[in-house]
C-alpha atoms as a PDB file:
ATOM      1  CA  UNK A   1      55.531  64.203  41.962  1.00  0.00           C
ATOM      2  CA  UNK A   2      52.366  65.295  43.700  1.00  0.00           C
ATOM      3  CA  UNK A   3      51.644  68.515  45.640  1.00  0.00           C
ATOM      4  CA  UNK A   4      48.059  68.641  46.767  1.00  0.00           C
ATOM      5  CA  UNK A   5      46.679  70.272  49.877  1.00  0.00           C
ATOM      6  CA  UNK A   6      43.019  69.968  51.066  1.00  0.00           C
ATOM      7  CA  UNK A   7      41.892  71.984  54.126  1.00  0.00           C
ATOM      8  CA  UNK A   8      38.647  72.709  55.898  1.00  0.00           C
ATOM      9  CA  UNK A   9      38.516  75.462  58.498  1.00  0.00           C
ATOM     10  CA  UNK A  10      37.310  78.903  59.469  1.00  0.00           C
ATOM     11  CA  UNK A  11      38.797  82.231  58.344  1.00  0.00           C
ATOM     12  CA  UNK A  12      40.570  84.004  61.136  1.00  0.00           C
ATOM     13  CA  UNK A  13      40.019  87.482  59.591  1.00  0.00           C
ATOM     14  CA  UNK A  14      38.279  89.026  56.599  1.00  0.00           C
ATOM     15  CA  UNK A  15      40.179  88.201  53.300  1.00  0.00           C
ATOM     16  CA  UNK A  16      42.470  90.894  52.082  1.00  0.00           C
ATOM     17  CA  UNK A  17      41.944  91.630  48.342  1.00  0.00           C
ATOM     18  CA  UNK A  18      44.704  93.441  46.400  1.00  0.00           C
ATOM     19  CA  UNK A  19      45.523  93.850  42.761  1.00  0.00           C
ATOM     20  CA  UNK A  20      48.964  93.486  41.167  1.00  0.00           C
ATOM     21  CA  UNK A  21      50.382  96.176  38.952  1.00  0.00           C
ATOM     22  CA  UNK A  22      49.165  94.230  35.975  1.00  0.00           C
ATOM     23  CA  UNK A  23      45.626  94.226  37.413  1.00  0.00           C
ATOM     24  CA  UNK A  24      45.419  90.585  38.623  1.00  0.00           C
ATOM     25  CA  UNK A  25      43.360  90.080  41.822  1.00  0.00           C
ATOM     26  CA  UNK A  26      44.974  88.308  44.743  1.00  0.00           C
ATOM     27  CA  UNK A  27      43.244  87.508  48.043  1.00  0.00           C
ATOM     28  CA  UNK A  28      45.070  86.428  51.134  1.00  0.00           C
ATOM     29  CA  UNK A  29      43.540  84.871  54.225  1.00  0.00           C
ATOM     30  CA  UNK A  30      44.277  82.534  57.093  1.00  0.00           C
ATOM     31  CA  UNK A  31      42.360  79.368  57.829  1.00  0.00           C
ATOM     32  CA  UNK A  32      42.171  77.909  61.381  1.00  0.00           C
ATOM     33  CA  UNK A  33      42.182  74.120  60.881  1.00  0.00           C
ATOM     34  CA  UNK A  34      41.474  71.950  63.927  1.00  0.00           C
ATOM     35  CA  UNK A  35      43.797  69.140  64.655  1.00  0.00           C
ATOM     36  CA  UNK A  36      42.370  65.611  64.922  1.00  0.00           C
ATOM     37  CA  UNK A  37      43.690  65.104  68.475  1.00  0.00           C
ATOM     38  CA  UNK A  38      43.563  66.941  71.810  1.00  0.00           C
ATOM     39  CA  UNK A  39      46.446  68.268  73.990  1.00  0.00           C
ATOM     40  CA  UNK A  40      47.192  67.004  77.492  1.00  0.00           C
ATOM     41  CA  UNK A  41      44.464  69.347  78.925  1.00  0.00           C
ATOM     42  CA  UNK A  42      41.931  67.725  76.615  1.00  0.00           C
ATOM     43  CA  UNK A  43      41.642  70.818  74.397  1.00  0.00           C
ATOM     44  CA  UNK A  44      41.624  70.751  70.616  1.00  0.00           C
ATOM     45  CA  UNK A  45      44.352  72.833  69.019  1.00  0.00           C
ATOM     46  CA  UNK A  46      44.284  74.435  65.637  1.00  0.00           C
ATOM     47  CA  UNK A  47      46.863  75.242  62.961  1.00  0.00           C
ATOM     48  CA  UNK A  48      46.707  78.646  61.317  1.00  0.00           C
ATOM     49  CA  UNK A  49      47.468  78.236  57.654  1.00  0.00           C
ATOM     50  CA  UNK A  50      48.108  81.181  55.281  1.00  0.00           C
ATOM     51  CA  UNK A  51      46.358  80.903  51.928  1.00  0.00           C
ATOM     52  CA  UNK A  52      46.515  82.991  48.728  1.00  0.00           C
ATOM     53  CA  UNK A  53      43.999  82.839  45.853  1.00  0.00           C
ATOM     54  CA  UNK A  54      44.437  84.579  42.507  1.00  0.00           C
ATOM     55  CA  UNK A  55      42.135  86.059  39.841  1.00  0.00           C
ATOM     56  CA  UNK A  56      38.392  85.313  40.000  1.00  0.00           C
ATOM     57  CA  UNK A  57      38.815  82.757  42.800  1.00  0.00           C
ATOM     58  CA  UNK A  58      40.438  85.478  44.900  1.00  0.00           C
ATOM     59  CA  UNK A  59      37.706  87.947  44.103  1.00  0.00           C
ATOM     60  CA  UNK A  60      35.026  85.428  44.973  1.00  0.00           C
ATOM     61  CA  UNK A  61      36.674  84.650  48.277  1.00  0.00           C
ATOM     62  CA  UNK A  62      36.872  88.360  49.148  1.00  0.00           C
ATOM     63  CA  UNK A  63      33.276  88.962  48.098  1.00  0.00           C
ATOM     64  CA  UNK A  64      31.635  85.977  49.823  1.00  0.00           C
ATOM     65  CA  UNK A  65      33.713  85.044  52.832  1.00  0.00           C
ATOM     66  CA  UNK A  66      34.388  86.881  56.078  1.00  0.00           C
ATOM     67  CA  UNK A  67      35.969  86.299  59.471  1.00  0.00           C
ATOM     68  CA  UNK A  68      34.416  83.096  60.900  1.00  0.00           C
ATOM     69  CA  UNK A  69      33.234  81.679  57.571  1.00  0.00           C
ATOM     70  CA  UNK A  70      33.749  77.958  57.084  1.00  0.00           C
ATOM     71  CA  UNK A  71      35.512  77.087  53.843  1.00  0.00           C
ATOM     72  CA  UNK A  72      37.206  74.143  52.226  1.00  0.00           C
ATOM     73  CA  UNK A  73      40.183  74.909  50.009  1.00  0.00           C
ATOM     74  CA  UNK A  74      42.061  72.747  47.513  1.00  0.00           C
ATOM     75  CA  UNK A  75      45.354  73.792  46.259  1.00  0.00           C
ATOM     76  CA  UNK A  76      49.114  73.286  46.451  1.00  0.00           C
ATOM     77  CA  UNK A  77      51.646  74.111  49.127  1.00  0.00           C
ATOM     78  CA  UNK A  78      54.319  76.605  48.108  1.00  0.00           C
ATOM     79  CA  UNK A  79      57.240  78.239  49.727  1.00  0.00           C
ATOM     80  CA  UNK A  80      58.958  81.520  48.807  1.00  0.00           C
ATOM     81  CA  UNK A  81      61.329  83.985  50.318  1.00  0.00           C
ATOM     82  CA  UNK A  82      62.119  87.657  50.235  1.00  0.00           C
ATOM     83  CA  UNK A  83      64.401  90.163  51.945  1.00  0.00           C
ATOM     84  CA  UNK A  84      62.619  92.346  54.493  1.00  0.00           C
ATOM     85  CA  UNK A  85      63.347  96.087  55.060  1.00  0.00           C
ATOM     86  CA  UNK A  86      66.265  95.285  57.356  1.00  0.00           C
ATOM     87  CA  UNK A  87      67.845  92.954  54.825  1.00  0.00           C
ATOM     88  CA  UNK A  88      66.959  89.669  56.584  1.00  0.00           C
ATOM     89  CA  UNK A  89      65.700  86.786  54.490  1.00  0.00           C
ATOM     90  CA  UNK A  90      62.077  85.860  55.307  1.00  0.00           C
ATOM     91  CA  UNK A  91      60.656  82.490  54.335  1.00  0.00           C
ATOM     92  CA  UNK A  92      56.923  81.996  53.681  1.00  0.00           C
ATOM     93  CA  UNK A  93      54.902  78.832  53.401  1.00  0.00           C
ATOM     94  CA  UNK A  94      51.370  79.121  52.151  1.00  0.00           C
ATOM     95  CA  UNK A  95      48.643  77.278  50.232  1.00  0.00           C
ATOM     96  CA  UNK A  96      48.079  78.512  46.656  1.00  0.00           C
ATOM     97  CA  UNK A  97      44.286  78.016  46.391  1.00  0.00           C
ATOM     98  CA  UNK A  98      43.015  76.532  43.188  1.00  0.00           C
ATOM     99  CA  UNK A  99      39.414  76.073  44.306  1.00  0.00           C
ATOM    100  CA  UNK A 100      37.257  76.877  47.325  1.00  0.00           C
ATOM    101  CA  UNK A 101      34.042  75.435  48.726  1.00  0.00           C
ATOM    102  CA  UNK A 102      31.932  77.814  50.745  1.00  0.00           C
ATOM    103  CA  UNK A 103      30.638  75.629  53.586  1.00  0.00           C
ATOM    104  CA  UNK A 104      28.337  77.929  55.569  1.00  0.00           C
ATOM    105  CA  UNK A 105      24.655  77.198  55.396  1.00  0.00           C
ATOM    106  CA  UNK A 106      22.679  79.191  52.757  1.00  0.00           C
ATOM    107  CA  UNK A 107      20.797  82.120  54.247  1.00  0.00           C
ATOM    108  CA  UNK A 108      22.809  81.955  57.500  1.00  0.00           C
ATOM    109  CA  UNK A 109      24.190  85.471  56.983  1.00  0.00           C
ATOM    110  CA  UNK A 110      27.401  84.099  55.541  1.00  0.00           C
ATOM    111  CA  UNK A 111      28.474  82.755  52.215  1.00  0.00           C
ATOM    112  CA  UNK A 112      26.448  80.174  50.452  1.00  0.00           C
ATOM    113  CA  UNK A 113      27.745  76.718  49.602  1.00  0.00           C
ATOM    114  CA  UNK A 114      28.648  77.119  45.965  1.00  0.00           C
ATOM    115  CA  UNK A 115      32.047  75.995  44.625  1.00  0.00           C
ATOM    116  CA  UNK A 116      34.399  78.545  43.103  1.00  0.00           C
ATOM    117  CA  UNK A 117      37.272  77.392  40.969  1.00  0.00           C
ATOM    118  CA  UNK A 118      40.161  79.356  39.642  1.00  0.00           C
ATOM    119  CA  UNK A 119      42.872  78.670  37.167  1.00  0.00           C
ATOM    120  CA  UNK A 120      43.013  81.044  34.278  1.00  0.00           C
ATOM    121  CA  UNK A 121      40.532  83.514  35.768  1.00  0.00           C
ATOM    122  CA  UNK A 122      37.435  81.376  35.131  1.00  0.00           C
ATOM    123  CA  UNK A 123      34.444  81.099  37.348  1.00  0.00           C
ATOM    124  CA  UNK A 124      33.160  77.540  37.268  1.00  0.00           C
ATOM    125  CA  UNK A 125      30.366  77.305  39.786  1.00  0.00           C
ATOM    126  CA  UNK A 126      29.065  73.749  39.415  1.00  0.00           C
ATOM    127  CA  UNK A 127      28.847  74.362  35.654  1.00  0.00           C
ATOM    128  CA  UNK A 128      26.383  77.219  36.080  1.00  0.00           C
ATOM    129  CA  UNK A 129      26.789  80.965  35.438  1.00  0.00           C
ATOM    130  CA  UNK A 130      25.421  83.654  37.667  1.00  0.00           C
ATOM    131  CA  UNK A 131      23.917  83.327  41.140  1.00  0.00           C
ATOM    132  CA  UNK A 132      20.924  80.979  40.540  1.00  0.00           C
ATOM    133  CA  UNK A 133      21.221  77.252  40.572  1.00  0.00           C
ATOM    134  CA  UNK A 134      18.042  75.722  39.115  1.00  0.00           C
ATOM    135  CA  UNK A 135      19.426  72.187  39.676  1.00  0.00           C
ATOM    136  CA  UNK A 136      20.265  72.787  43.363  1.00  0.00           C
ATOM    137  CA  UNK A 137      19.807  69.380  45.105  1.00  0.00           C
ATOM    138  CA  UNK A 138      19.482  71.126  48.469  1.00  0.00           C
ATOM    139  CA  UNK A 139      16.633  73.477  47.353  1.00  0.00           C
ATOM    140  CA  UNK A 140      14.159  71.640  49.637  1.00  0.00           C
ATOM    141  CA  UNK A 141      15.822  73.401  52.539  1.00  0.00           C
ATOM    142  CA  UNK A 142      15.196  70.809  55.241  1.00  0.00           C
ATOM    143  CA  UNK A 143      11.997  69.350  53.853  1.00  0.00           C
ATOM    144  CA  UNK A 144      11.760  65.524  53.365  1.00  0.00           C
ATOM    145  CA  UNK A 145      13.183  64.179  50.114  1.00  0.00           C
ATOM    146  CA  UNK A 146      11.705  61.084  48.497  1.00  0.00           C
ATOM    147  CA  UNK A 147      14.628  58.720  47.932  1.00  0.00           C
ATOM    148  CA  UNK A 148      14.150  55.136  46.752  1.00  0.00           C
ATOM    149  CA  UNK A 149      16.624  52.495  48.082  1.00  0.00           C
ATOM    150  CA  UNK A 150      17.462  51.757  44.449  1.00  0.00           C
ATOM    151  CA  UNK A 151      18.882  55.295  44.024  1.00  0.00           C
ATOM    152  CA  UNK A 152      21.454  54.757  46.786  1.00  0.00           C
ATOM    153  CA  UNK A 153      24.980  53.674  45.511  1.00  0.00           C
ATOM    154  CA  UNK A 154      25.555  51.313  48.422  1.00  0.00           C
END
């Protein structure tokens, strides 16, 4: 069995960071994901997908993303239910985020494009610790890069 969800979209609001009674961080946010087709009026519609991220991944999302930020999430679809205050059963479908890719350009006033992965509360940012990436392949920031045809995989 396989349950894998991959989404790319923009946050519709700032992420909401909370902590459980046991102290685990949990961030919730909604991604607006454009559909691949247009409606009868020629307009592109979007789906608004609720997402939840736990531990360090949730903290990173809350610290680096905001309303309008572009992000890619990888996770699994989950459903749950609870009884609301009036006793009615409420069903919730959401993406449990396992990793997130910050897709806004670096220095654009929004989050940079480092990958944050969760799991057991670990921060695995491209194998590096901290905020500096000495092996950043995009460090030239728009300047020409010398690439030989032999370097290309195709």
